[in-house]
Amino acid sequence: MIRMRRYLWRFIATAALLLAAGCATVQPWDRDLLAEKKMSLNPSPMLQAVDEHIYFSKEASMGGMDAGGGGCGCN
């Protein structure tokens, strides 16, 4: 039973390493797809600004965007 567990853990570790190694490089013909605007972390800055404004003014909360104050929006 113990020997079987060792083999199982070795198999899982080997499989994880092989999967991680396969994702390490981006081929030149795939770079154009990854450079598209929709693949960026912030594809629409205007929509993100509106969402942040609504979140901070309506939820009366403070996040990591340097905003604080009450829920009325009258800081």
PDB file of N, CA and C in Angstrom:
ATOM      1  N   MET A   1       0.824  -1.189   0.000  1.00  0.00           N
ATOM      2  CA  MET A   1       0.000   0.000   0.000  1.00  0.00           C
ATOM      3  C   MET A   1       0.871   1.257   0.000  1.00  0.00           C
ATOM      4  N   ILE A   2       1.898   1.264   0.825  1.00  0.00           N
ATOM      5  CA  ILE A   2       2.780   2.430   0.896  1.00  0.00           C
ATOM      6  C   ILE A   2       3.548   2.595  -0.413  1.00  0.00           C
ATOM      7  N   ARG A   3       3.978   1.497  -0.977  1.00  0.00           N
ATOM      8  CA  ARG A   3       4.712   1.542  -2.238  1.00  0.00           C
ATOM      9  C   ARG A   3       3.813   2.083  -3.354  1.00  0.00           C
ATOM     10  N   MET A   4       2.544   1.721  -3.314  1.00  0.00           N
ATOM     11  CA  MET A   4       1.592   2.196  -4.318  1.00  0.00           C
ATOM     12  C   MET A   4       1.403   3.709  -4.203  1.00  0.00           C
ATOM     13  N   ARG A   5       1.347   4.220  -2.985  1.00  0.00           N
ATOM     14  CA  ARG A   5       1.207   5.658  -2.774  1.00  0.00           C
ATOM     15  C   ARG A   5       2.419   6.416  -3.308  1.00  0.00           C
ATOM     16  N   ARG A   6       3.595   5.868  -3.081  1.00  0.00           N
ATOM     17  CA  ARG A   6       4.815   6.507  -3.600  1.00  0.00           C
ATOM     18  C   ARG A   6       4.768   6.598  -5.114  1.00  0.00           C
ATOM     19  N   TYR A   7       4.380   5.510  -5.748  1.00  0.00           N
ATOM     20  CA  TYR A   7       4.297   5.523  -7.213  1.00  0.00           C
ATOM     21  C   TYR A   7       3.240   6.516  -7.694  1.00  0.00           C
ATOM     22  N   LEU A   8       2.147   6.584  -6.982  1.00  0.00           N
ATOM     23  CA  LEU A   8       1.093   7.518  -7.353  1.00  0.00           C
ATOM     24  C   LEU A   8       1.575   8.956  -7.238  1.00  0.00           C
ATOM     25  N   TRP A   9       2.242   9.294  -6.139  1.00  0.00           N
ATOM     26  CA  TRP A   9       2.757  10.659  -5.960  1.00  0.00           C
ATOM     27  C   TRP A   9       3.841  10.973  -6.990  1.00  0.00           C
ATOM     28  N   ARG A  10       4.670  10.020  -7.299  1.00  0.00           N
ATOM     29  CA  ARG A  10       5.687  10.246  -8.331  1.00  0.00           C
ATOM     30  C   ARG A  10       5.041  10.476  -9.688  1.00  0.00           C
ATOM     31  N   PHE A  11       4.012   9.718  -9.987  1.00  0.00           N
ATOM     32  CA  PHE A  11       3.304   9.887 -11.251  1.00  0.00           C
ATOM     33  C   PHE A  11       2.640  11.263 -11.326  1.00  0.00           C
ATOM     34  N   ILE A  12       1.996  11.675 -10.236  1.00  0.00           N
ATOM     35  CA  ILE A  12       1.344  12.983 -10.212  1.00  0.00           C
ATOM     36  C   ILE A  12       2.369  14.102 -10.364  1.00  0.00           C
ATOM     37  N   ALA A  13       3.493  13.990  -9.665  1.00  0.00           N
ATOM     38  CA  ALA A  13       4.538  15.018  -9.761  1.00  0.00           C
ATOM     39  C   ALA A  13       5.122  15.075 -11.166  1.00  0.00           C
ATOM     40  N   THR A  14       5.369  13.931 -11.769  1.00  0.00           N
ATOM     41  CA  THR A  14       5.908  13.895 -13.125  1.00  0.00           C
ATOM     42  C   THR A  14       4.918  14.479 -14.121  1.00  0.00           C
ATOM     43  N   ALA A  15       3.652  14.128 -13.983  1.00  0.00           N
ATOM     44  CA  ALA A  15       2.629  14.669 -14.877  1.00  0.00           C
ATOM     45  C   ALA A  15       2.508  16.185 -14.729  1.00  0.00           C
ATOM     46  N   ALA A  16       2.575  16.684 -13.499  1.00  0.00           N
ATOM     47  CA  ALA A  16       2.492  18.132 -13.273  1.00  0.00           C
ATOM     48  C   ALA A  16       3.687  18.852 -13.892  1.00  0.00           C
ATOM     49  N   LEU A  17       4.869  18.287 -13.753  1.00  0.00           N
ATOM     50  CA  LEU A  17       6.058  18.900 -14.351  1.00  0.00           C
ATOM     51  C   LEU A  17       5.979  18.911 -15.874  1.00  0.00           C
ATOM     52  N   LEU A  18       5.503  17.834 -16.456  1.00  0.00           N
ATOM     53  CA  LEU A  18       5.375  17.784 -17.914  1.00  0.00           C
ATOM     54  C   LEU A  18       4.336  18.782 -18.414  1.00  0.00           C
ATOM     55  N   LEU A  19       3.234  18.914 -17.690  1.00  0.00           N
ATOM     56  CA  LEU A  19       2.217  19.879 -18.092  1.00  0.00           C
ATOM     57  C   LEU A  19       2.724  21.319 -17.953  1.00  0.00           C
ATOM     58  N   ALA A  20       3.449  21.585 -16.888  1.00  0.00           N
ATOM     59  CA  ALA A  20       3.982  22.938 -16.694  1.00  0.00           C
ATOM     60  C   ALA A  20       5.052  23.260 -17.728  1.00  0.00           C
ATOM     61  N   ALA A  21       5.836  22.295 -18.100  1.00  0.00           N
ATOM     62  CA  ALA A  21       6.889  22.530 -19.085  1.00  0.00           C
ATOM     63  C   ALA A  21       6.303  22.767 -20.468  1.00  0.00           C
ATOM     64  N   GLY A  22       5.159  22.183 -20.759  1.00  0.00           N
ATOM     65  CA  GLY A  22       4.534  22.361 -22.060  1.00  0.00           C
ATOM     66  C   GLY A  22       3.931  23.737 -22.246  1.00  0.00           C
ATOM     67  N   CYS A  23       3.671  24.453 -21.181  1.00  0.00           N
ATOM     68  CA  CYS A  23       3.048  25.780 -21.258  1.00  0.00           C
ATOM     69  C   CYS A  23       4.067  26.905 -21.113  1.00  0.00           C
ATOM     70  N   ALA A  24       5.325  26.604 -21.086  1.00  0.00           N
ATOM     71  CA  ALA A  24       6.335  27.604 -20.757  1.00  0.00           C
ATOM     72  C   ALA A  24       6.640  28.567 -21.894  1.00  0.00           C
ATOM     73  N   THR A  25       6.527  28.155 -23.139  1.00  0.00           N
ATOM     74  CA  THR A  25       6.917  29.020 -24.238  1.00  0.00           C
ATOM     75  C   THR A  25       5.727  29.325 -25.136  1.00  0.00           C
ATOM     76  N   VAL A  26       5.791  30.489 -25.762  1.00  0.00           N
ATOM     77  CA  VAL A  26       4.778  30.895 -26.729  1.00  0.00           C
ATOM     78  C   VAL A  26       5.430  30.851 -28.100  1.00  0.00           C
ATOM     79  N   GLN A  27       4.793  30.166 -28.993  1.00  0.00           N
ATOM     80  CA  GLN A  27       5.336  30.047 -30.341  1.00  0.00           C
ATOM     81  C   GLN A  27       5.151  31.359 -31.094  1.00  0.00           C
ATOM     82  N   PRO A  28       6.056  31.677 -32.031  1.00  0.00           N
ATOM     83  CA  PRO A  28       5.949  32.944 -32.761  1.00  0.00           C
ATOM     84  C   PRO A  28       4.622  33.130 -33.486  1.00  0.00           C
ATOM     85  N   TRP A  29       4.034  32.067 -33.981  1.00  0.00           N
ATOM     86  CA  TRP A  29       2.774  32.206 -34.716  1.00  0.00           C
ATOM     87  C   TRP A  29       1.577  32.398 -33.785  1.00  0.00           C
ATOM     88  N   ASP A  30       1.771  32.226 -32.474  1.00  0.00           N
ATOM     89  CA  ASP A  30       0.694  32.460 -31.514  1.00  0.00           C
ATOM     90  C   ASP A  30       0.770  33.838 -30.865  1.00  0.00           C
ATOM     91  N   ARG A  31       1.840  34.539 -31.064  1.00  0.00           N
ATOM     92  CA  ARG A  31       2.013  35.828 -30.398  1.00  0.00           C
ATOM     93  C   ARG A  31       1.041  36.879 -30.895  1.00  0.00           C
ATOM     94  N   ASP A  32       0.639  36.801 -32.145  1.00  0.00           N
ATOM     95  CA  ASP A  32      -0.307  37.797 -32.651  1.00  0.00           C
ATOM     96  C   ASP A  32      -1.673  37.644 -31.978  1.00  0.00           C
ATOM     97  N   LEU A  33      -2.053  36.418 -31.628  1.00  0.00           N
ATOM     98  CA  LEU A  33      -3.328  36.212 -30.938  1.00  0.00           C
ATOM     99  C   LEU A  33      -3.282  36.723 -29.504  1.00  0.00           C
ATOM    100  N   LEU A  34      -2.136  36.556 -28.858  1.00  0.00           N
ATOM    101  CA  LEU A  34      -2.002  36.997 -27.475  1.00  0.00           C
ATOM    102  C   LEU A  34      -1.831  38.507 -27.365  1.00  0.00           C
ATOM    103  N   ALA A  35      -1.481  39.168 -28.448  1.00  0.00           N
ATOM    104  CA  ALA A  35      -1.276  40.612 -28.425  1.00  0.00           C
ATOM    105  C   ALA A  35      -2.561  41.388 -28.724  1.00  0.00           C
ATOM    106  N   GLU A  36      -3.672  40.702 -28.959  1.00  0.00           N
ATOM    107  CA  GLU A  36      -4.922  41.392 -29.236  1.00  0.00           C
ATOM    108  C   GLU A  36      -5.404  42.144 -28.002  1.00  0.00           C
ATOM    109  N   LYS A  37      -6.159  43.201 -28.243  1.00  0.00           N
ATOM    110  CA  LYS A  37      -6.631  44.046 -27.149  1.00  0.00           C
ATOM    111  C   LYS A  37      -7.536  43.281 -26.176  1.00  0.00           C
ATOM    112  N   LYS A  38      -8.339  42.368 -26.699  1.00  0.00           N
ATOM    113  CA  LYS A  38      -9.253  41.629 -25.827  1.00  0.00           C
ATOM    114  C   LYS A  38      -8.526  40.657 -24.900  1.00  0.00           C
ATOM    115  N   MET A  39      -7.257  40.383 -25.158  1.00  0.00           N
ATOM    116  CA  MET A  39      -6.484  39.483 -24.302  1.00  0.00           C
ATOM    117  C   MET A  39      -5.754  40.223 -23.181  1.00  0.00           C
ATOM    118  N   SER A  40      -5.826  41.548 -23.144  1.00  0.00           N
ATOM    119  CA  SER A  40      -5.136  42.311 -22.108  1.00  0.00           C
ATOM    120  C   SER A  40      -5.889  42.198 -20.784  1.00  0.00           C
ATOM    121  N   LEU A  41      -5.239  42.577 -19.703  1.00  0.00           N
ATOM    122  CA  LEU A  41      -5.872  42.506 -18.391  1.00  0.00           C
ATOM    123  C   LEU A  41      -7.013  43.502 -18.276  1.00  0.00           C
ATOM    124  N   ASN A  42      -6.907  44.618 -18.994  1.00  0.00           N
ATOM    125  CA  ASN A  42      -7.932  45.642 -18.968  1.00  0.00           C
ATOM    126  C   ASN A  42      -8.306  45.991 -20.410  1.00  0.00           C
ATOM    127  N   PRO A  43      -9.196  45.228 -21.040  1.00  0.00           N
ATOM    128  CA  PRO A  43      -9.499  45.477 -22.448  1.00  0.00           C
ATOM    129  C   PRO A  43     -10.286  46.762 -22.685  1.00  0.00           C
ATOM    130  N   SER A  44     -11.034  47.234 -21.701  1.00  0.00           N
ATOM    131  CA  SER A  44     -11.821  48.449 -21.866  1.00  0.00           C
ATOM    132  C   SER A  44     -11.655  49.343 -20.642  1.00  0.00           C
ATOM    133  N   PRO A  45     -10.733  50.303 -20.694  1.00  0.00           N
ATOM    134  CA  PRO A  45     -10.489  51.164 -19.528  1.00  0.00           C
ATOM    135  C   PRO A  45     -11.720  51.985 -19.128  1.00  0.00           C
ATOM    136  N   MET A  46     -12.524  52.405 -20.096  1.00  0.00           N
ATOM    137  CA  MET A  46     -13.703  53.209 -19.783  1.00  0.00           C
ATOM    138  C   MET A  46     -14.719  52.406 -18.975  1.00  0.00           C
ATOM    139  N   LEU A  47     -14.974  51.161 -19.393  1.00  0.00           N
ATOM    140  CA  LEU A  47     -15.926  50.330 -18.651  1.00  0.00           C
ATOM    141  C   LEU A  47     -15.415  50.005 -17.254  1.00  0.00           C
ATOM    142  N   GLN A  48     -14.119  49.813 -17.128  1.00  0.00           N
ATOM    143  CA  GLN A  48     -13.560  49.540 -15.809  1.00  0.00           C
ATOM    144  C   GLN A  48     -13.701  50.761 -14.903  1.00  0.00           C
ATOM    145  N   ALA A  49     -13.489  51.960 -15.437  1.00  0.00           N
ATOM    146  CA  ALA A  49     -13.638  53.177 -14.641  1.00  0.00           C
ATOM    147  C   ALA A  49     -15.086  53.353 -14.179  1.00  0.00           C
ATOM    148  N   VAL A  50     -16.046  53.068 -15.056  1.00  0.00           N
ATOM    149  CA  VAL A  50     -17.457  53.177 -14.682  1.00  0.00           C
ATOM    150  C   VAL A  50     -17.795  52.144 -13.611  1.00  0.00           C
ATOM    151  N   ASP A  51     -17.333  50.928 -13.786  1.00  0.00           N
ATOM    152  CA  ASP A  51     -17.599  49.883 -12.791  1.00  0.00           C
ATOM    153  C   ASP A  51     -17.003  50.236 -11.435  1.00  0.00           C
ATOM    154  N   GLU A  52     -15.789  50.770 -11.426  1.00  0.00           N
ATOM    155  CA  GLU A  52     -15.162  51.164 -10.160  1.00  0.00           C
ATOM    156  C   GLU A  52     -15.927  52.293  -9.498  1.00  0.00           C
ATOM    157  N   HIS A  53     -16.380  53.254 -10.286  1.00  0.00           N
ATOM    158  CA  HIS A  53     -17.146  54.366  -9.722  1.00  0.00           C
ATOM    159  C   HIS A  53     -18.438  53.862  -9.081  1.00  0.00           C
ATOM    160  N   ILE A  54     -19.138  52.990  -9.772  1.00  0.00           N
ATOM    161  CA  ILE A  54     -20.381  52.447  -9.230  1.00  0.00           C
ATOM    162  C   ILE A  54     -20.098  51.638  -7.978  1.00  0.00           C
ATOM    163  N   TYR A  55     -19.057  50.846  -8.003  1.00  0.00           N
ATOM    164  CA  TYR A  55     -18.727  50.010  -6.842  1.00  0.00           C
ATOM    165  C   TYR A  55     -18.410  50.860  -5.625  1.00  0.00           C
ATOM    166  N   PHE A  56     -17.576  51.888  -5.803  1.00  0.00           N
ATOM    167  CA  PHE A  56     -17.160  52.681  -4.650  1.00  0.00           C
ATOM    168  C   PHE A  56     -18.250  53.617  -4.154  1.00  0.00           C
ATOM    169  N   SER A  57     -19.096  54.105  -5.034  1.00  0.00           N
ATOM    170  CA  SER A  57     -20.119  55.046  -4.578  1.00  0.00           C
ATOM    171  C   SER A  57     -21.356  54.340  -4.038  1.00  0.00           C
ATOM    172  N   LYS A  58     -21.713  53.198  -4.579  1.00  0.00           N
ATOM    173  CA  LYS A  58     -22.927  52.521  -4.143  1.00  0.00           C
ATOM    174  C   LYS A  58     -22.707  51.539  -2.998  1.00  0.00           C
ATOM    175  N   GLU A  59     -21.562  50.903  -2.959  1.00  0.00           N
ATOM    176  CA  GLU A  59     -21.318  49.877  -1.951  1.00  0.00           C
ATOM    177  C   GLU A  59     -20.740  50.441  -0.662  1.00  0.00           C
ATOM    178  N   ALA A  60     -20.361  51.710  -0.660  1.00  0.00           N
ATOM    179  CA  ALA A  60     -19.766  52.353   0.514  1.00  0.00           C
ATOM    180  C   ALA A  60     -18.584  51.537   1.016  1.00  0.00           C
ATOM    181  N   SER A  61     -17.774  51.108   0.081  1.00  0.00           N
ATOM    182  CA  SER A  61     -16.631  50.279   0.447  1.00  0.00           C
ATOM    183  C   SER A  61     -15.351  50.920  -0.050  1.00  0.00           C
ATOM    184  N   MET A  62     -14.254  50.420   0.450  1.00  0.00           N
ATOM    185  CA  MET A  62     -12.954  50.930   0.053  1.00  0.00           C
ATOM    186  C   MET A  62     -12.130  49.771  -0.465  1.00  0.00           C
ATOM    187  N   GLY A  63     -11.644  49.894  -1.670  1.00  0.00           N
ATOM    188  CA  GLY A  63     -10.839  48.840  -2.260  1.00  0.00           C
ATOM    189  C   GLY A  63      -9.402  49.275  -2.436  1.00  0.00           C
ATOM    190  N   GLY A  64      -8.717  48.679  -3.369  1.00  0.00           N
ATOM    191  CA  GLY A  64      -7.324  48.993  -3.598  1.00  0.00           C
ATOM    192  C   GLY A  64      -7.104  50.054  -4.652  1.00  0.00           C
ATOM    193  N   MET A  65      -8.103  50.864  -4.939  1.00  0.00           N
ATOM    194  CA  MET A  65      -7.985  51.863  -5.999  1.00  0.00           C
ATOM    195  C   MET A  65      -7.851  53.275  -5.447  1.00  0.00           C
ATOM    196  N   ASP A  66      -7.357  53.436  -4.243  1.00  0.00           N
ATOM    197  CA  ASP A  66      -7.151  54.750  -3.617  1.00  0.00           C
ATOM    198  C   ASP A  66      -8.440  55.548  -3.506  1.00  0.00           C
ATOM    199  N   ALA A  67      -9.486  54.913  -3.105  1.00  0.00           N
ATOM    200  CA  ALA A  67     -10.751  55.606  -2.901  1.00  0.00           C
ATOM    201  C   ALA A  67     -11.254  55.312  -1.503  1.00  0.00           C
ATOM    202  N   GLY A  68     -11.891  56.289  -0.921  1.00  0.00           N
ATOM    203  CA  GLY A  68     -12.427  56.077   0.410  1.00  0.00           C
ATOM    204  C   GLY A  68     -13.545  57.052   0.669  1.00  0.00           C
ATOM    205  N   GLY A  69     -14.236  56.843   1.752  1.00  0.00           N
ATOM    206  CA  GLY A  69     -15.298  57.759   2.090  1.00  0.00           C
ATOM    207  C   GLY A  69     -16.606  57.041   2.268  1.00  0.00           C
ATOM    208  N   GLY A  70     -17.666  57.837   2.293  1.00  0.00           N
ATOM    209  CA  GLY A  70     -18.989  57.285   2.508  1.00  0.00           C
ATOM    210  C   GLY A  70     -19.624  56.769   1.237  1.00  0.00           C
ATOM    211  N   GLY A  71     -20.829  56.308   1.365  1.00  0.00           N
ATOM    212  CA  GLY A  71     -21.544  55.751   0.242  1.00  0.00           C
ATOM    213  C   GLY A  71     -22.249  56.777  -0.626  1.00  0.00           C
ATOM    214  N   CYS A  72     -22.285  58.043  -0.178  1.00  0.00           N
ATOM    215  CA  CYS A  72     -23.006  59.046  -0.950  1.00  0.00           C
ATOM    216  C   CYS A  72     -22.179  59.599  -2.102  1.00  0.00           C
ATOM    217  N   GLY A  73     -20.881  59.388  -2.116  1.00  0.00           N
ATOM    218  CA  GLY A  73     -20.020  59.893  -3.180  1.00  0.00           C
ATOM    219  C   GLY A  73     -19.588  61.330  -2.967  1.00  0.00           C
ATOM    220  N   CYS A  74     -19.784  61.868  -1.770  1.00  0.00           N
ATOM    221  CA  CYS A  74     -19.418  63.271  -1.483  1.00  0.00           C
ATOM    222  C   CYS A  74     -18.210  63.322  -0.576  1.00  0.00           C
ATOM    223  N   ASN A  75     -17.093  62.845  -1.028  1.00  0.00           N
ATOM    224  CA  ASN A  75     -15.886  62.794  -0.182  1.00  0.00           C
ATOM    225  C   ASN A  75     -15.428  64.165   0.157  1.00  0.00           C
TER     226      ASN A  75
END
